[in-house]
Amino acid sequence: MSTNHPRQPGPDTVLFAQGLVMRFGGITATNNVTLDLKKGARHALIGPNGAGKTTLINLLTGVLQPTEGRILLEGLDITRLAPHERVRRGMVRTFQINQLFDTLTPLQTLSLTVSQHLGLGTKWWQPLGRNRQVTERCEQLLAQFHLTEVMNQPTRVLAYGKRRLLEIAIALACEPRVLLLDEPVAGVPAGEREELLQTVAALPADVSVLLIEHDMDLVFSFASFMTVLVNGTLLTEGPPEQIANDPQVKAVYLGHGEEAAAQDAANMQGAAHG
């Protein structure tokens, strides 16, 4: 059912998950999944609802401990490390990394994150501009994520698309080597999506990105490699054009008897040729 997978990470592999199994009682949520994320990759993880994407990401980030299998980050076995230890080693997830503080501004939020990343800890509250390294990094992130104009507004008043941009900016402030983008455009109104899509496309080339997303336009415009999960099992993987034309993938999306799944399949075909 699945394609052949390398049993050992290659020299250009940054994140390698081998034979991951996650059982909840008698239910197998993740069934012998192997994932090989290359350095600088733009890799998408897709699948219909209930495919096991969230469980797999929770395993990769340490929220769950696998029943079987191992996870390597740049050759280091991180299978049993806590989530914050994985962040420290360079694996950051947008969904997990921060709960935005509604009363703080984007500038204050990023100052806090950058200060902590630089080991300054409690000094983040000092008058902004005191530490030039923090100030310059914050200015860079605010510009990169189109937040300069709203940098002094409380986060609670920001448009939802700007909040999602701030979440990604926070993740990037941690200088990740692996960035897990967990449905970055979920809930973002259509009018705010384009700015978000362009920002995601412009992420640094040296950051390896694993994108979990239902929006097929984003998936096919962003990913150079795709992994398809079905019922916790790896169905197939390959470049976008191959995935879009794979009969198994079409059957899975269309075979779920859900309008959303059928629409995803149609969008997949359209996005691949768009």
C-alpha atoms as a PDB file:
ATOM      1  CA  MET A   1       0.000   0.000   0.000  1.00  0.00           C
ATOM      2  CA  SER A   2       2.821   2.424   0.823  1.00  0.00           C
ATOM      3  CA  THR A   3       5.982   3.244  -1.026  1.00  0.00           C
ATOM      4  CA  ASN A   4       9.413   2.060  -0.015  1.00  0.00           C
ATOM      5  CA  HIS A   5      11.092   4.205   2.623  1.00  0.00           C
ATOM      6  CA  PRO A   6      14.704   4.564   3.635  1.00  0.00           C
ATOM      7  CA  ARG A   7      15.327   2.697   6.858  1.00  0.00           C
ATOM      8  CA  GLN A   8      18.128   5.067   7.871  1.00  0.00           C
ATOM      9  CA  PRO A   9      18.378   8.867   7.529  1.00  0.00           C
ATOM     10  CA  GLY A  10      20.463  10.201   4.664  1.00  0.00           C
ATOM     11  CA  PRO A  11      23.185  12.872   4.891  1.00  0.00           C
ATOM     12  CA  ASP A  12      20.682  15.603   3.942  1.00  0.00           C
ATOM     13  CA  THR A  13      18.028  14.509   6.459  1.00  0.00           C
ATOM     14  CA  VAL A  14      17.212  16.896   9.304  1.00  0.00           C
ATOM     15  CA  LEU A  15      14.207  15.109  10.850  1.00  0.00           C
ATOM     16  CA  PHE A  16      13.724  11.352  10.631  1.00  0.00           C
ATOM     17  CA  ALA A  17      10.843   9.406  12.144  1.00  0.00           C
ATOM     18  CA  GLN A  18      11.076   5.640  11.767  1.00  0.00           C
ATOM     19  CA  GLY A  19       8.347   3.072  12.321  1.00  0.00           C
ATOM     20  CA  LEU A  20       6.183   5.279  14.516  1.00  0.00           C
ATOM     21  CA  VAL A  21       3.278   3.468  16.167  1.00  0.00           C
ATOM     22  CA  MET A  22       0.788   5.096  18.532  1.00  0.00           C
ATOM     23  CA  ARG A  23      -1.840   2.960  20.209  1.00  0.00           C
ATOM     24  CA  PHE A  24      -4.642   4.218  22.412  1.00  0.00           C
ATOM     25  CA  GLY A  25      -5.987   1.057  23.993  1.00  0.00           C
ATOM     26  CA  GLY A  26      -7.112  -1.120  21.096  1.00  0.00           C
ATOM     27  CA  ILE A  27      -6.963   1.726  18.563  1.00  0.00           C
ATOM     28  CA  THR A  28      -3.872   2.212  16.413  1.00  0.00           C
ATOM     29  CA  ALA A  29      -3.799   5.922  15.573  1.00  0.00           C
ATOM     30  CA  THR A  30      -0.372   5.831  13.910  1.00  0.00           C
ATOM     31  CA  ASN A  31       0.668   2.654  12.152  1.00  0.00           C
ATOM     32  CA  ASN A  32       4.367   2.184  11.342  1.00  0.00           C
ATOM     33  CA  VAL A  33       4.891   5.636   9.817  1.00  0.00           C
ATOM     34  CA  THR A  34       8.290   6.672   8.503  1.00  0.00           C
ATOM     35  CA  LEU A  35       8.927  10.316   7.610  1.00  0.00           C
ATOM     36  CA  ASP A  36      12.139  11.741   6.148  1.00  0.00           C
ATOM     37  CA  LEU A  37      12.355  15.556   6.199  1.00  0.00           C
ATOM     38  CA  LYS A  38      15.265  16.927   4.180  1.00  0.00           C
ATOM     39  CA  LYS A  39      17.290  20.026   4.981  1.00  0.00           C
ATOM     40  CA  GLY A  40      15.559  23.080   3.548  1.00  0.00           C
ATOM     41  CA  ALA A  41      12.507  21.011   2.614  1.00  0.00           C
ATOM     42  CA  ARG A  42       9.066  22.315   1.789  1.00  0.00           C
ATOM     43  CA  HIS A  43       7.214  19.160   2.776  1.00  0.00           C
ATOM     44  CA  ALA A  44       3.434  18.877   3.148  1.00  0.00           C
ATOM     45  CA  LEU A  45       1.563  16.318   5.245  1.00  0.00           C
ATOM     46  CA  ILE A  46      -1.971  15.778   3.970  1.00  0.00           C
ATOM     47  CA  GLY A  47      -4.831  13.333   4.375  1.00  0.00           C
ATOM     48  CA  PRO A  48      -8.579  13.271   4.951  1.00  0.00           C
ATOM     49  CA  ASN A  49     -10.066  13.967   8.368  1.00  0.00           C
ATOM     50  CA  GLY A  50      -9.119  11.231  10.815  1.00  0.00           C
ATOM     51  CA  ALA A  51      -5.986  10.297   8.851  1.00  0.00           C
ATOM     52  CA  GLY A  52      -3.750  10.681  11.905  1.00  0.00           C
ATOM     53  CA  LYS A  53      -1.960  13.918  10.983  1.00  0.00           C
ATOM     54  CA  THR A  54      -2.406  15.540  14.395  1.00  0.00           C
ATOM     55  CA  THR A  55      -1.300  12.387  16.206  1.00  0.00           C
ATOM     56  CA  LEU A  56       1.833  12.217  14.072  1.00  0.00           C
ATOM     57  CA  ILE A  57       2.676  15.865  14.737  1.00  0.00           C
ATOM     58  CA  ASN A  58       2.089  15.335  18.462  1.00  0.00           C
ATOM     59  CA  LEU A  59       4.555  12.458  18.326  1.00  0.00           C
ATOM     60  CA  LEU A  60       7.147  14.528  16.479  1.00  0.00           C
ATOM     61  CA  THR A  61       6.844  17.422  18.935  1.00  0.00           C
ATOM     62  CA  GLY A  62       6.811  15.279  22.096  1.00  0.00           C
ATOM     63  CA  VAL A  63       3.219  15.883  23.164  1.00  0.00           C
ATOM     64  CA  LEU A  64       2.769  12.112  22.824  1.00  0.00           C
ATOM     65  CA  GLN A  65       5.282   9.329  23.383  1.00  0.00           C
ATOM     66  CA  PRO A  66       5.181   6.638  20.673  1.00  0.00           C
ATOM     67  CA  THR A  67       4.292   3.062  21.485  1.00  0.00           C
ATOM     68  CA  GLU A  68       6.987   2.018  19.031  1.00  0.00           C
ATOM     69  CA  GLY A  69       9.509   3.730  16.778  1.00  0.00           C
ATOM     70  CA  ARG A  70      12.104   6.468  17.072  1.00  0.00           C
ATOM     71  CA  ILE A  71      12.581  10.122  16.100  1.00  0.00           C
ATOM     72  CA  LEU A  72      15.922  11.675  15.162  1.00  0.00           C
ATOM     73  CA  LEU A  73      16.601  15.416  14.889  1.00  0.00           C
ATOM     74  CA  GLU A  74      19.861  16.095  13.077  1.00  0.00           C
ATOM     75  CA  GLY A  75      21.007  12.613  14.028  1.00  0.00           C
ATOM     76  CA  LEU A  76      20.128  12.977  17.721  1.00  0.00           C
ATOM     77  CA  ASP A  77      17.530  10.601  19.155  1.00  0.00           C
ATOM     78  CA  ILE A  78      14.817  12.851  20.608  1.00  0.00           C
ATOM     79  CA  THR A  79      12.136  10.165  20.999  1.00  0.00           C
ATOM     80  CA  ARG A  80      11.853  10.651  24.762  1.00  0.00           C
ATOM     81  CA  LEU A  81      12.624  14.353  25.006  1.00  0.00           C
ATOM     82  CA  ALA A  82      10.015  16.765  26.384  1.00  0.00           C
ATOM     83  CA  PRO A  83       8.455  19.316  23.990  1.00  0.00           C
ATOM     84  CA  HIS A  84      10.432  22.284  25.375  1.00  0.00           C
ATOM     85  CA  GLU A  85      13.673  20.347  24.960  1.00  0.00           C
ATOM     86  CA  ARG A  86      12.825  19.747  21.302  1.00  0.00           C
ATOM     87  CA  VAL A  87      12.185  23.464  20.857  1.00  0.00           C
ATOM     88  CA  ARG A  88      15.587  24.186  22.377  1.00  0.00           C
ATOM     89  CA  ARG A  89      17.156  21.824  19.849  1.00  0.00           C
ATOM     90  CA  GLY A  90      15.480  23.562  16.923  1.00  0.00           C
ATOM     91  CA  MET A  91      12.044  21.980  16.372  1.00  0.00           C
ATOM     92  CA  VAL A  92       9.254  24.543  16.619  1.00  0.00           C
ATOM     93  CA  ARG A  93       5.529  24.186  15.996  1.00  0.00           C
ATOM     94  CA  THR A  94       3.338  27.205  15.325  1.00  0.00           C
ATOM     95  CA  PHE A  95       0.263  25.709  16.978  1.00  0.00           C
ATOM     96  CA  GLN A  96       2.166  24.697  20.073  1.00  0.00           C
ATOM     97  CA  ILE A  97       4.811  27.357  20.526  1.00  0.00           C
ATOM     98  CA  ASN A  98       2.815  30.178  22.052  1.00  0.00           C
ATOM     99  CA  GLN A  99      -0.563  31.237  23.306  1.00  0.00           C
ATOM    100  CA  LEU A 100      -0.725  34.873  22.305  1.00  0.00           C
ATOM    101  CA  PHE A 101      -1.013  37.370  25.136  1.00  0.00           C
ATOM    102  CA  ASP A 102      -3.962  39.581  24.229  1.00  0.00           C
ATOM    103  CA  THR A 103      -2.729  42.538  26.278  1.00  0.00           C
ATOM    104  CA  LEU A 104       0.771  42.594  24.769  1.00  0.00           C
ATOM    105  CA  THR A 105       1.586  44.226  21.462  1.00  0.00           C
ATOM    106  CA  PRO A 106       3.388  42.347  18.662  1.00  0.00           C
ATOM    107  CA  LEU A 107       6.543  44.315  19.508  1.00  0.00           C
ATOM    108  CA  GLN A 108       6.360  43.347  23.178  1.00  0.00           C
ATOM    109  CA  THR A 109       5.558  39.726  22.345  1.00  0.00           C
ATOM    110  CA  LEU A 110       8.488  39.405  19.968  1.00  0.00           C
ATOM    111  CA  SER A 111      10.798  41.211  22.399  1.00  0.00           C
ATOM    112  CA  LEU A 112       9.896  38.651  25.030  1.00  0.00           C
ATOM    113  CA  THR A 113      10.489  35.733  22.655  1.00  0.00           C
ATOM    114  CA  VAL A 114      13.764  37.054  21.249  1.00  0.00           C
ATOM    115  CA  SER A 115      15.068  37.910  24.728  1.00  0.00           C
ATOM    116  CA  GLN A 116      14.307  34.435  26.010  1.00  0.00           C
ATOM    117  CA  HIS A 117      15.919  32.862  22.950  1.00  0.00           C
ATOM    118  CA  LEU A 118      19.070  34.929  23.519  1.00  0.00           C
ATOM    119  CA  GLY A 119      19.177  33.841  27.142  1.00  0.00           C
ATOM    120  CA  LEU A 120      18.252  37.252  28.548  1.00  0.00           C
ATOM    121  CA  GLY A 121      15.229  35.811  30.345  1.00  0.00           C
ATOM    122  CA  THR A 122      13.612  38.277  32.728  1.00  0.00           C
ATOM    123  CA  LYS A 123      15.326  41.278  31.148  1.00  0.00           C
ATOM    124  CA  TRP A 124      12.759  41.428  28.348  1.00  0.00           C
ATOM    125  CA  TRP A 125      10.749  44.044  30.262  1.00  0.00           C
ATOM    126  CA  GLN A 126      13.550  46.587  30.222  1.00  0.00           C
ATOM    127  CA  PRO A 127      12.866  49.683  28.101  1.00  0.00           C
ATOM    128  CA  LEU A 128      12.706  48.668  24.461  1.00  0.00           C
ATOM    129  CA  GLY A 129      15.868  49.707  22.696  1.00  0.00           C
ATOM    130  CA  ARG A 130      18.121  48.958  25.655  1.00  0.00           C
ATOM    131  CA  ASN A 131      19.459  45.848  23.931  1.00  0.00           C
ATOM    132  CA  ARG A 132      20.308  46.598  20.311  1.00  0.00           C
ATOM    133  CA  GLN A 133      20.442  42.912  19.322  1.00  0.00           C
ATOM    134  CA  VAL A 134      16.872  42.376  20.527  1.00  0.00           C
ATOM    135  CA  THR A 135      15.661  45.582  18.880  1.00  0.00           C
ATOM    136  CA  GLU A 136      17.194  44.778  15.506  1.00  0.00           C
ATOM    137  CA  ARG A 137      15.833  41.233  15.488  1.00  0.00           C
ATOM    138  CA  CYS A 138      12.344  42.442  16.401  1.00  0.00           C
ATOM    139  CA  GLU A 139      12.414  45.095  13.678  1.00  0.00           C
ATOM    140  CA  GLN A 140      13.458  42.461  11.169  1.00  0.00           C
ATOM    141  CA  LEU A 141      10.654  40.068  12.178  1.00  0.00           C
ATOM    142  CA  LEU A 142       8.010  42.802  12.254  1.00  0.00           C
ATOM    143  CA  ALA A 143       8.929  43.829   8.710  1.00  0.00           C
ATOM    144  CA  GLN A 144       9.197  40.274   7.426  1.00  0.00           C
ATOM    145  CA  PHE A 145       5.741  39.365   8.715  1.00  0.00           C
ATOM    146  CA  HIS A 146       3.989  42.614   7.767  1.00  0.00           C
ATOM    147  CA  LEU A 147       3.410  43.624  11.386  1.00  0.00           C
ATOM    148  CA  THR A 148       5.262  46.944  11.547  1.00  0.00           C
ATOM    149  CA  GLU A 149       2.107  49.033  11.148  1.00  0.00           C
ATOM    150  CA  VAL A 150       0.355  47.205  14.007  1.00  0.00           C
ATOM    151  CA  MET A 151       3.385  46.588  16.219  1.00  0.00           C
ATOM    152  CA  ASN A 152       2.108  48.815  19.037  1.00  0.00           C
ATOM    153  CA  GLN A 153      -1.508  47.620  19.005  1.00  0.00           C
ATOM    154  CA  PRO A 154      -2.716  45.152  21.645  1.00  0.00           C
ATOM    155  CA  THR A 155      -2.827  41.687  20.107  1.00  0.00           C
ATOM    156  CA  ARG A 156      -6.512  41.337  20.994  1.00  0.00           C
ATOM    157  CA  VAL A 157      -7.499  43.993  18.415  1.00  0.00           C
ATOM    158  CA  LEU A 158      -5.481  42.513  15.530  1.00  0.00           C
ATOM    159  CA  ALA A 159      -7.178  40.973  12.514  1.00  0.00           C
ATOM    160  CA  TYR A 160      -7.074  37.186  12.651  1.00  0.00           C
ATOM    161  CA  GLY A 161      -4.656  36.960   9.739  1.00  0.00           C
ATOM    162  CA  LYS A 162      -2.239  39.251  11.581  1.00  0.00           C
ATOM    163  CA  ARG A 163      -2.485  37.064  14.677  1.00  0.00           C
ATOM    164  CA  ARG A 164      -1.514  34.033  12.601  1.00  0.00           C
ATOM    165  CA  LEU A 165       1.396  35.998  11.133  1.00  0.00           C
ATOM    166  CA  LEU A 166       2.480  36.889  14.666  1.00  0.00           C
ATOM    167  CA  GLU A 167       2.377  33.208  15.658  1.00  0.00           C
ATOM    168  CA  ILE A 168       4.701  32.314  12.781  1.00  0.00           C
ATOM    169  CA  ALA A 169       6.956  35.270  13.615  1.00  0.00           C
ATOM    170  CA  ILE A 170       7.222  33.995  17.203  1.00  0.00           C
ATOM    171  CA  ALA A 171       8.171  30.554  15.908  1.00  0.00           C
ATOM    172  CA  LEU A 172      10.828  32.023  13.628  1.00  0.00           C
ATOM    173  CA  ALA A 173      12.187  34.147  16.495  1.00  0.00           C
ATOM    174  CA  CYS A 174      13.259  30.828  18.055  1.00  0.00           C
ATOM    175  CA  GLU A 175      15.501  30.289  15.011  1.00  0.00           C
ATOM    176  CA  PRO A 176      14.185  26.805  14.246  1.00  0.00           C
ATOM    177  CA  ARG A 177      15.919  24.307  12.031  1.00  0.00           C
ATOM    178  CA  VAL A 178      12.600  22.468  11.658  1.00  0.00           C
ATOM    179  CA  LEU A 179       9.349  24.446  11.539  1.00  0.00           C
ATOM    180  CA  LEU A 180       6.040  22.591  11.771  1.00  0.00           C
ATOM    181  CA  LEU A 181       3.317  24.787  10.300  1.00  0.00           C
ATOM    182  CA  ASP A 182       0.052  23.458  11.683  1.00  0.00           C
ATOM    183  CA  GLU A 183      -2.753  24.670   9.386  1.00  0.00           C
ATOM    184  CA  PRO A 184      -1.511  28.281   9.196  1.00  0.00           C
ATOM    185  CA  VAL A 185      -4.501  29.562   7.191  1.00  0.00           C
ATOM    186  CA  ALA A 186      -7.197  27.792   9.252  1.00  0.00           C
ATOM    187  CA  GLY A 187      -9.900  30.296  10.151  1.00  0.00           C
ATOM    188  CA  VAL A 188      -8.262  33.146   8.246  1.00  0.00           C
ATOM    189  CA  PRO A 189     -10.801  35.103   6.141  1.00  0.00           C
ATOM    190  CA  ALA A 190     -10.294  34.975   2.386  1.00  0.00           C
ATOM    191  CA  GLY A 191      -9.340  38.648   2.236  1.00  0.00           C
ATOM    192  CA  GLU A 192      -6.437  38.120   4.634  1.00  0.00           C
ATOM    193  CA  ARG A 193      -5.065  34.914   3.154  1.00  0.00           C
ATOM    194  CA  GLU A 194      -2.907  36.268   0.364  1.00  0.00           C
ATOM    195  CA  GLU A 195      -0.569  38.127   2.723  1.00  0.00           C
ATOM    196  CA  LEU A 196      -0.233  34.987   4.832  1.00  0.00           C
ATOM    197  CA  LEU A 197       0.402  32.763   1.798  1.00  0.00           C
ATOM    198  CA  GLN A 198       3.111  35.106   0.494  1.00  0.00           C
ATOM    199  CA  THR A 199       4.786  35.218   3.894  1.00  0.00           C
ATOM    200  CA  VAL A 200       4.811  31.442   4.209  1.00  0.00           C
ATOM    201  CA  ALA A 201       6.279  31.162   0.705  1.00  0.00           C
ATOM    202  CA  ALA A 202       9.064  33.579   1.700  1.00  0.00           C
ATOM    203  CA  LEU A 203      10.219  31.678   4.790  1.00  0.00           C
ATOM    204  CA  PRO A 204      14.032  31.310   5.007  1.00  0.00           C
ATOM    205  CA  ALA A 205      15.387  28.640   2.698  1.00  0.00           C
ATOM    206  CA  ASP A 206      17.573  27.137   5.415  1.00  0.00           C
ATOM    207  CA  VAL A 207      14.553  26.326   7.607  1.00  0.00           C
ATOM    208  CA  SER A 208      13.084  22.889   6.898  1.00  0.00           C
ATOM    209  CA  VAL A 209       9.295  23.175   6.878  1.00  0.00           C
ATOM    210  CA  LEU A 210       6.678  20.482   7.435  1.00  0.00           C
ATOM    211  CA  LEU A 211       3.265  21.894   6.519  1.00  0.00           C
ATOM    212  CA  ILE A 212       0.036  20.343   7.789  1.00  0.00           C
ATOM    213  CA  GLU A 213      -2.800  21.890   5.827  1.00  0.00           C
ATOM    214  CA  HIS A 214      -6.236  21.286   4.270  1.00  0.00           C
ATOM    215  CA  ASP A 215      -6.033  24.241   1.892  1.00  0.00           C
ATOM    216  CA  MET A 216      -4.870  22.602  -1.318  1.00  0.00           C
ATOM    217  CA  ASP A 217      -4.011  25.905  -2.986  1.00  0.00           C
ATOM    218  CA  LEU A 218      -1.480  26.545  -0.226  1.00  0.00           C
ATOM    219  CA  VAL A 219      -0.221  22.958  -0.261  1.00  0.00           C
ATOM    220  CA  PHE A 220       0.463  22.879  -3.987  1.00  0.00           C
ATOM    221  CA  SER A 221       1.905  26.380  -4.179  1.00  0.00           C
ATOM    222  CA  PHE A 222       4.263  25.702  -1.269  1.00  0.00           C
ATOM    223  CA  ALA A 223       5.284  22.044  -1.146  1.00  0.00           C
ATOM    224  CA  SER A 224       7.940  20.375  -3.259  1.00  0.00           C
ATOM    225  CA  PHE A 225       7.292  17.006  -1.591  1.00  0.00           C
ATOM    226  CA  MET A 226       4.149  15.516  -0.055  1.00  0.00           C
ATOM    227  CA  THR A 227       3.256  12.700   2.323  1.00  0.00           C
ATOM    228  CA  VAL A 228      -0.278  11.291   2.365  1.00  0.00           C
ATOM    229  CA  LEU A 229      -1.666   9.656   5.512  1.00  0.00           C
ATOM    230  CA  VAL A 230      -4.791   7.512   5.614  1.00  0.00           C
ATOM    231  CA  ASN A 231      -6.115   5.810   8.740  1.00  0.00           C
ATOM    232  CA  GLY A 232      -2.806   6.367  10.503  1.00  0.00           C
ATOM    233  CA  THR A 233      -0.843   4.695   7.714  1.00  0.00           C
ATOM    234  CA  LEU A 234       1.436   6.236   5.104  1.00  0.00           C
ATOM    235  CA  LEU A 235      -0.389   5.772   1.803  1.00  0.00           C
ATOM    236  CA  THR A 236       2.167   7.310  -0.545  1.00  0.00           C
ATOM    237  CA  GLU A 237       4.605  10.192  -0.921  1.00  0.00           C
ATOM    238  CA  GLY A 238       6.243  12.098  -3.727  1.00  0.00           C
ATOM    239  CA  PRO A 239       6.288  15.424  -5.595  1.00  0.00           C
ATOM    240  CA  PRO A 240       2.986  17.340  -5.888  1.00  0.00           C
ATOM    241  CA  GLU A 241       2.236  16.443  -9.513  1.00  0.00           C
ATOM    242  CA  GLN A 242       2.623  12.744  -8.741  1.00  0.00           C
ATOM    243  CA  ILE A 243       0.349  13.008  -5.703  1.00  0.00           C
ATOM    244  CA  ALA A 244      -2.324  14.970  -7.592  1.00  0.00           C
ATOM    245  CA  ASN A 245      -2.536  12.253 -10.242  1.00  0.00           C
ATOM    246  CA  ASP A 246      -2.252   9.243  -7.929  1.00  0.00           C
ATOM    247  CA  PRO A 247      -5.361   7.024  -8.268  1.00  0.00           C
ATOM    248  CA  GLN A 248      -5.029   5.852  -4.649  1.00  0.00           C
ATOM    249  CA  VAL A 249      -5.038   9.422  -3.374  1.00  0.00           C
ATOM    250  CA  LYS A 250      -8.051  10.352  -5.485  1.00  0.00           C
ATOM    251  CA  ALA A 251      -9.910   7.272  -4.304  1.00  0.00           C
ATOM    252  CA  VAL A 252      -9.183   8.016  -0.653  1.00  0.00           C
ATOM    253  CA  TYR A 253     -10.360  11.609  -0.834  1.00  0.00           C
ATOM    254  CA  LEU A 254     -13.414  10.803  -2.939  1.00  0.00           C
ATOM    255  CA  GLY A 255     -14.173   7.584  -1.108  1.00  0.00           C
ATOM    256  CA  HIS A 256     -14.921   9.182   2.248  1.00  0.00           C
ATOM    257  CA  GLY A 257     -18.394  10.185   1.166  1.00  0.00           C
ATOM    258  CA  GLU A 258     -17.940  13.692   2.530  1.00  0.00           C
ATOM    259  CA  GLU A 259     -18.488  16.874   0.556  1.00  0.00           C
ATOM    260  CA  ALA A 260     -15.349  18.361   2.073  1.00  0.00           C
ATOM    261  CA  ALA A 261     -13.222  15.410   1.028  1.00  0.00           C
ATOM    262  CA  ALA A 262     -14.621  15.515  -2.491  1.00  0.00           C
ATOM    263  CA  GLN A 263     -13.951  19.229  -2.657  1.00  0.00           C
ATOM    264  CA  ASP A 264     -10.393  18.642  -1.446  1.00  0.00           C
ATOM    265  CA  ALA A 265      -9.834  16.166  -4.244  1.00  0.00           C
ATOM    266  CA  ALA A 266     -11.188  18.621  -6.793  1.00  0.00           C
ATOM    267  CA  ASN A 267      -9.088  21.427  -5.347  1.00  0.00           C
ATOM    268  CA  MET A 268      -6.045  19.167  -5.390  1.00  0.00           C
ATOM    269  CA  GLN A 269      -6.408  18.558  -9.095  1.00  0.00           C
ATOM    270  CA  GLY A 270      -7.049  22.207  -9.795  1.00  0.00           C
ATOM    271  CA  ALA A 271      -4.183  23.467  -7.654  1.00  0.00           C
ATOM    272  CA  ALA A 272      -1.716  21.083  -9.271  1.00  0.00           C
ATOM    273  CA  HIS A 273      -2.528  22.537 -12.666  1.00  0.00           C
ATOM    274  CA  GLY A 274      -3.066  26.102 -11.491  1.00  0.00           C
END
